[in-house]
Protein backbone atom coordinates (compact mmCIF):
# COMPACT_ATOMS: atom_id res chain seq x y z
CA MET A 1 0.13 0.33 0.42
CA THR A 2 1.60 3.73 -1.07
CA THR A 3 1.33 6.51 1.51
CA ASP A 4 1.55 9.90 0.13
CA VAL A 5 2.67 12.68 2.66
CA LEU A 6 2.54 16.72 1.97
CA LEU A 7 6.19 18.23 1.48
CA ASP A 8 6.33 22.19 2.69
CA LEU A 9 8.50 24.18 1.11
CA GLY A 10 7.69 27.06 2.92
CA ASP A 11 5.68 28.69 -0.14
CA ARG A 12 3.97 25.70 -1.32
CA THR A 13 2.74 22.66 -0.12
CA LEU A 14 3.49 19.71 -2.59
CA ARG A 15 1.94 15.72 -2.36
CA VAL A 16 4.49 13.00 -2.84
CA ARG A 17 4.25 9.78 -3.01
CA ARG A 18 7.42 6.94 -1.99
CA LEU A 19 7.99 3.62 -4.24
CA ALA A 20 9.91 1.24 -3.26
CA PRO A 21 10.75 -1.88 -5.90
CA GLN A 22 9.22 -5.67 -5.51
CA LYS A 23 12.97 -7.02 -5.09
CA SER A 24 16.33 -5.13 -4.39
CA ASP A 25 19.15 -7.35 -4.58
CA GLY A 26 20.22 -4.50 -1.51
CA LEU A 27 22.25 -2.40 -3.35
CA ASP A 28 22.76 1.37 -3.16
CA ARG A 29 20.69 2.73 -6.04
CA THR A 30 19.42 5.84 -7.34
CA THR A 31 16.32 7.33 -7.25
CA LEU A 32 14.22 7.72 -10.13
CA VAL A 33 12.08 11.11 -10.10
CA PHE A 34 8.98 10.91 -12.21
CA LEU A 35 7.88 14.72 -13.33
CA HIS A 36 4.05 14.00 -14.76
CA GLU A 37 3.47 15.81 -18.04
CA GLY A 38 1.36 18.88 -18.76
CA LEU A 39 -2.43 18.17 -17.25
CA GLY A 40 -0.32 15.30 -14.82
CA CYS A 41 -0.59 14.13 -11.98
CA ILE A 42 0.36 10.95 -9.36
CA GLU A 43 -2.52 8.71 -10.99
CA MET A 44 -2.39 9.88 -13.87
CA TRP A 45 1.14 8.07 -14.26
CA ARG A 46 -1.42 4.61 -13.93
CA ASP A 47 1.47 1.62 -12.37
CA PHE A 48 3.96 2.72 -14.67
CA PRO A 49 6.62 4.26 -11.91
CA GLN A 50 6.29 0.86 -10.02
CA GLN A 51 7.17 -1.22 -13.19
CA LEU A 52 10.33 1.15 -14.06
CA CYS A 53 11.02 0.86 -10.48
CA ASP A 54 10.40 -3.16 -9.83
CA ALA A 55 12.42 -3.38 -13.73
CA THR A 56 15.76 -1.87 -12.32
CA ALA A 57 15.90 -1.80 -8.28
CA CYS A 58 15.69 1.45 -7.77
CA THR A 59 13.57 3.28 -5.60
CA GLY A 60 11.34 6.51 -6.47
CA ILE A 61 9.76 9.40 -5.63
CA VAL A 62 6.16 10.58 -7.64
CA TYR A 63 4.83 14.22 -6.77
CA ASP A 64 2.31 16.32 -7.90
CA ARG A 65 3.87 19.32 -9.21
CA THR A 66 2.53 23.48 -8.03
CA GLY A 67 -1.09 23.38 -8.53
CA TYR A 68 -2.16 20.04 -9.75
CA GLY A 69 -3.36 17.49 -8.14
CA ARG A 70 -3.67 17.58 -4.70
CA SER A 71 -0.30 19.59 -4.48
CA SER A 72 -0.94 22.63 -3.30
CA PRO A 73 -1.17 26.37 -6.13
CA TRP A 74 1.39 28.63 -7.12
CA PRO A 75 2.50 31.40 -4.36
CA SER A 76 2.35 34.17 -7.31
CA ASP A 77 0.92 33.31 -10.72
CA PRO A 78 4.54 32.22 -12.74
CA GLY A 79 3.17 33.09 -16.24
CA GLN A 80 4.73 31.49 -19.95
CA ARG A 81 8.16 30.57 -17.96
CA TYR A 82 6.16 27.78 -15.34
CA MET A 83 8.78 25.66 -16.17
CA GLU A 84 11.85 27.37 -16.18
CA ILE A 85 10.62 27.92 -12.88
CA GLU A 86 9.90 24.64 -12.27
CA ALA A 87 12.88 23.56 -12.50
CA ASP A 88 15.40 26.15 -11.54
CA ASP A 89 13.68 26.62 -8.00
CA VAL A 90 11.11 24.48 -7.23
CA LEU A 91 12.68 20.98 -7.72
CA PRO A 92 15.94 21.63 -6.65
CA ARG A 93 13.86 22.74 -3.38
CA LEU A 94 11.80 19.03 -3.33
CA LEU A 95 15.34 17.11 -3.71
CA ALA A 96 16.64 19.02 -0.68
CA ALA A 97 13.99 18.34 1.87
CA LEU A 98 14.00 14.59 0.64
CA ALA A 99 17.34 13.98 1.16
CA ILE A 100 18.31 12.90 -2.42
CA GLU A 101 21.58 13.20 -3.36
CA ASP A 102 21.72 10.78 -6.37
CA CYS A 103 19.05 10.55 -9.54
CA VAL A 104 17.64 10.06 -13.02
CA LEU A 105 14.51 12.46 -14.26
CA VAL A 106 11.85 10.58 -15.44
CA GLY A 107 9.93 12.94 -17.17
CA HIS A 108 6.45 12.81 -20.06
CA SER A 109 5.81 16.10 -21.45
CA ASP A 110 6.01 19.23 -19.36
CA GLY A 111 7.92 16.98 -17.42
CA GLY A 112 10.82 16.20 -20.04
CA THR A 113 11.14 19.29 -20.44
CA ILE A 114 11.44 20.74 -17.29
CA ALA A 115 13.93 17.88 -16.67
CA LEU A 116 16.18 19.08 -19.41
CA ASN A 117 15.53 22.36 -17.98
CA TYR A 118 17.21 21.53 -14.66
CA ALA A 119 20.27 18.98 -16.05
CA ALA A 120 21.03 22.31 -18.28
CA ALA A 121 22.58 23.45 -14.33
CA ASP A 122 24.01 20.51 -14.64
CA PRO A 123 23.60 19.90 -11.18
CA GLU A 124 25.49 17.10 -8.08
CA PRO A 125 21.84 15.18 -7.81
CA LEU A 126 21.56 14.18 -11.45
CA ARG A 127 22.36 10.96 -13.00
CA ALA A 128 20.85 10.77 -15.84
CA VAL A 129 17.35 12.90 -17.81
CA VAL A 130 14.66 10.13 -19.61
CA THR A 131 12.36 12.14 -21.39
CA ILE A 132 9.23 10.59 -22.49
CA ALA A 133 7.29 13.03 -25.22
CA ALA A 134 9.91 15.75 -24.19
CA HIS A 135 9.68 19.49 -26.04
CA ALA A 136 12.15 21.41 -26.51
CA ILE A 137 10.23 23.51 -29.40
CA ASN A 138 6.82 24.60 -29.89
CA GLU A 139 5.42 23.36 -32.54
CA ARG A 140 2.70 23.84 -35.13
CA VAL A 141 1.00 20.51 -34.65
CA CYS A 142 1.47 21.05 -31.10
CA VAL A 143 -0.50 24.26 -30.91
CA ALA A 144 -3.45 22.91 -33.38
CA ALA A 145 -4.01 20.00 -30.19
CA ILE A 146 -3.86 22.90 -27.33
CA HIS A 147 -6.52 24.40 -29.63
CA ARG A 148 -8.62 21.05 -28.87
CA ALA A 149 -8.16 20.22 -26.16
CA ARG A 150 -8.81 24.03 -25.49
CA GLU A 151 -12.17 23.38 -26.93
CA ALA A 152 -13.06 20.46 -24.76
CA PHE A 153 -12.31 21.77 -22.70
CA ALA A 154 -14.77 24.19 -22.68
CA THR A 155 -17.44 22.03 -24.24
CA GLY A 156 -17.49 18.82 -23.66
CA ASP A 157 -16.53 15.95 -21.02
CA LEU A 158 -12.60 17.28 -20.36
CA ARG A 159 -13.23 19.29 -17.49
CA GLN A 160 -15.09 16.77 -15.72
CA ARG A 161 -12.85 13.83 -16.14
CA LEU A 162 -10.03 16.13 -15.06
CA LEU A 163 -11.44 17.30 -11.47
CA LYS A 164 -11.41 13.94 -10.25
CA TYR A 165 -8.14 14.98 -10.72
CA HIS A 166 -7.02 17.95 -9.62
CA GLY A 167 -9.78 19.41 -7.71
CA ALA A 168 -9.61 23.00 -7.10
CA ASN A 169 -7.14 22.86 -8.85
CA VAL A 170 -8.25 22.11 -11.95
CA ASP A 171 -9.05 25.51 -13.12
CA ARG A 172 -6.20 27.04 -12.82
CA ALA A 173 -3.79 23.94 -14.18
CA PHE A 174 -5.21 23.91 -17.39
CA HIS A 175 -5.85 27.77 -18.54
CA LEU A 176 -1.24 27.81 -17.27
CA TRP A 177 -0.61 24.54 -19.50
CA SER A 178 -2.29 25.63 -22.68
CA ASP A 179 -2.16 29.77 -22.03
CA ALA A 180 1.14 29.63 -22.33
CA TRP A 181 1.30 27.05 -25.25
CA VAL A 182 -1.02 28.99 -27.61
CA ALA A 183 0.60 32.28 -26.87
CA PRO A 184 2.55 33.77 -29.63
CA GLY A 185 6.23 33.26 -29.32
CA PHE A 186 5.95 30.95 -26.67
CA GLU A 187 9.11 28.52 -26.86
CA PRO A 188 8.73 25.61 -23.81
CA MET A 189 12.40 26.44 -22.77
CA ASN A 190 16.09 27.80 -24.61
CA ALA A 191 17.03 25.19 -26.75
CA ASN A 192 19.94 26.94 -28.03
CA GLY A 193 20.83 28.53 -24.45
CA ARG A 194 19.51 24.95 -22.42
CA LEU A 195 20.49 21.89 -23.43
CA PRO A 196 24.30 22.16 -24.64
CA GLY A 197 24.76 22.10 -20.63
CA VAL A 198 23.13 18.56 -20.15
CA GLN A 199 26.14 17.00 -19.82
CA VAL A 200 24.78 13.76 -18.15
CA PRO A 201 23.17 11.45 -20.87
CA VAL A 202 19.96 11.61 -22.04
CA GLN A 203 17.49 8.96 -23.08
CA ALA A 204 14.78 10.91 -25.05
CA ILE A 205 12.10 8.80 -25.80
CA GLN A 206 8.32 9.89 -28.42
CA GLY A 207 5.55 8.09 -29.56
CA GLU A 208 5.56 7.73 -33.70
CA ASP A 209 2.21 9.35 -33.87
CA ASP A 210 2.38 11.73 -31.57
CA ASP A 211 -0.34 15.00 -32.30
CA TYR A 212 1.68 16.89 -29.42
CA GLY A 213 5.08 16.92 -31.96
CA SER A 214 7.19 15.52 -34.35
CA GLU A 215 10.02 13.66 -34.77
CA LEU A 216 12.18 17.02 -35.01
CA GLN A 217 12.10 17.26 -31.24
CA LEU A 218 14.43 13.43 -31.16
CA GLY A 219 16.83 15.69 -33.64
CA ILE A 220 17.17 19.09 -31.34
CA ILE A 221 17.83 17.34 -28.20
CA ALA A 222 19.90 14.55 -29.44
CA GLY A 223 21.48 18.06 -31.36
CA LYS A 224 22.07 20.47 -28.71
CA VAL A 225 22.22 18.46 -25.87
CA GLY A 226 26.38 18.84 -24.55
CA GLY A 227 26.32 14.65 -23.64
CA TYR A 228 25.78 11.70 -25.22
CA CYS A 229 22.47 11.35 -25.90
CA GLU A 230 19.58 8.37 -27.74
CA THR A 231 16.78 8.44 -29.00
CA ARG A 232 13.57 5.88 -29.59
CA LEU A 233 10.96 6.35 -31.44
CA ILE A 234 8.34 4.21 -30.38
CA PRO A 235 5.67 2.51 -33.49
CA GLY A 236 1.83 2.31 -32.80
CA CYS A 237 1.50 5.06 -30.21
CA GLY A 238 1.14 8.43 -29.30
CA HIS A 239 2.15 10.77 -27.01
CA SER A 240 1.53 8.37 -24.02
CA PRO A 241 4.28 6.08 -25.14
CA HIS A 242 4.93 4.58 -21.13
CA LEU A 243 0.54 3.82 -21.10
CA GLN A 244 0.62 3.22 -24.78
CA GLN A 245 3.58 0.63 -24.96
CA PRO A 246 4.21 0.30 -21.23
CA ARG A 247 6.36 -3.32 -21.64
CA HIS A 248 8.30 -1.65 -24.18
CA VAL A 249 9.47 1.55 -22.46
CA VAL A 250 9.77 -0.23 -19.14
CA SER A 251 11.94 -2.45 -21.27
CA GLU A 252 14.99 0.57 -23.36
CA ILE A 253 14.80 3.10 -19.70
CA ALA A 254 15.35 0.04 -17.72
CA ARG A 255 18.24 -1.16 -20.32
CA PHE A 256 19.01 3.15 -20.42
CA ILE A 257 19.53 2.67 -16.56
CA ALA A 258 21.20 -0.47 -15.72
CA PRO A 259 24.80 1.03 -16.00
CA LEU A 260 24.23 4.06 -14.52
CA ALA A 261 21.63 3.09 -11.54
CA LEU A 262 24.36 1.65 -8.67
CA ALA A 263 24.79 5.43 -6.63
CA GLY A 264 28.46 6.81 -5.59
């Protein structure tokens, strides 16, 4: 049975869940830290984090980012820089509060972009980054998909479906995300300025039929990061390969993490 805790960071409270592998080999291994998508939360990962912890024998941390799920709202409006602020300010404080000194970030969509933004500073705790459907740039296909989501939120059942995950956060979470992505000139990160600073190994994964981005994202990430990067384009799935092709994705990530997993 999993137990969630509310972690007080002073200006915000984040809901955190610790995971342990089903079988431990007794070795000191890195911690997998999962960063969810733009409308995500702990529950929307489903059992993927536990599967990956089991496959790697690593412990895991899953949490609701600021303003999502059962975490507290943003103390002030972060505007279009919400991913940079999460990476530069909130994530370092979270890791310090949890005494995590060795970790691999596993980020989906916005979470993957946040992971890359964090890695750009070459922080001491970070061992590697895994991105799933991360965005280095804002493509027209992504803007079109978010306009469809805005319509579904306003007139369809999307708001009701998200309400059970985000509760009182639902409206602010949706509009923070969607307003930023459709704003003229918005970019999810300074790819030219930040990606060259990423020195740790990176595995970038994307679905072949992703509605929110093309294979160009993989090329930009691999071409601009300062260290080793491998890319994987997963057939037969869209924006959530870890949910649509879980066995394939868990196998790929576990292979990538295996030589990096021992802490110290």
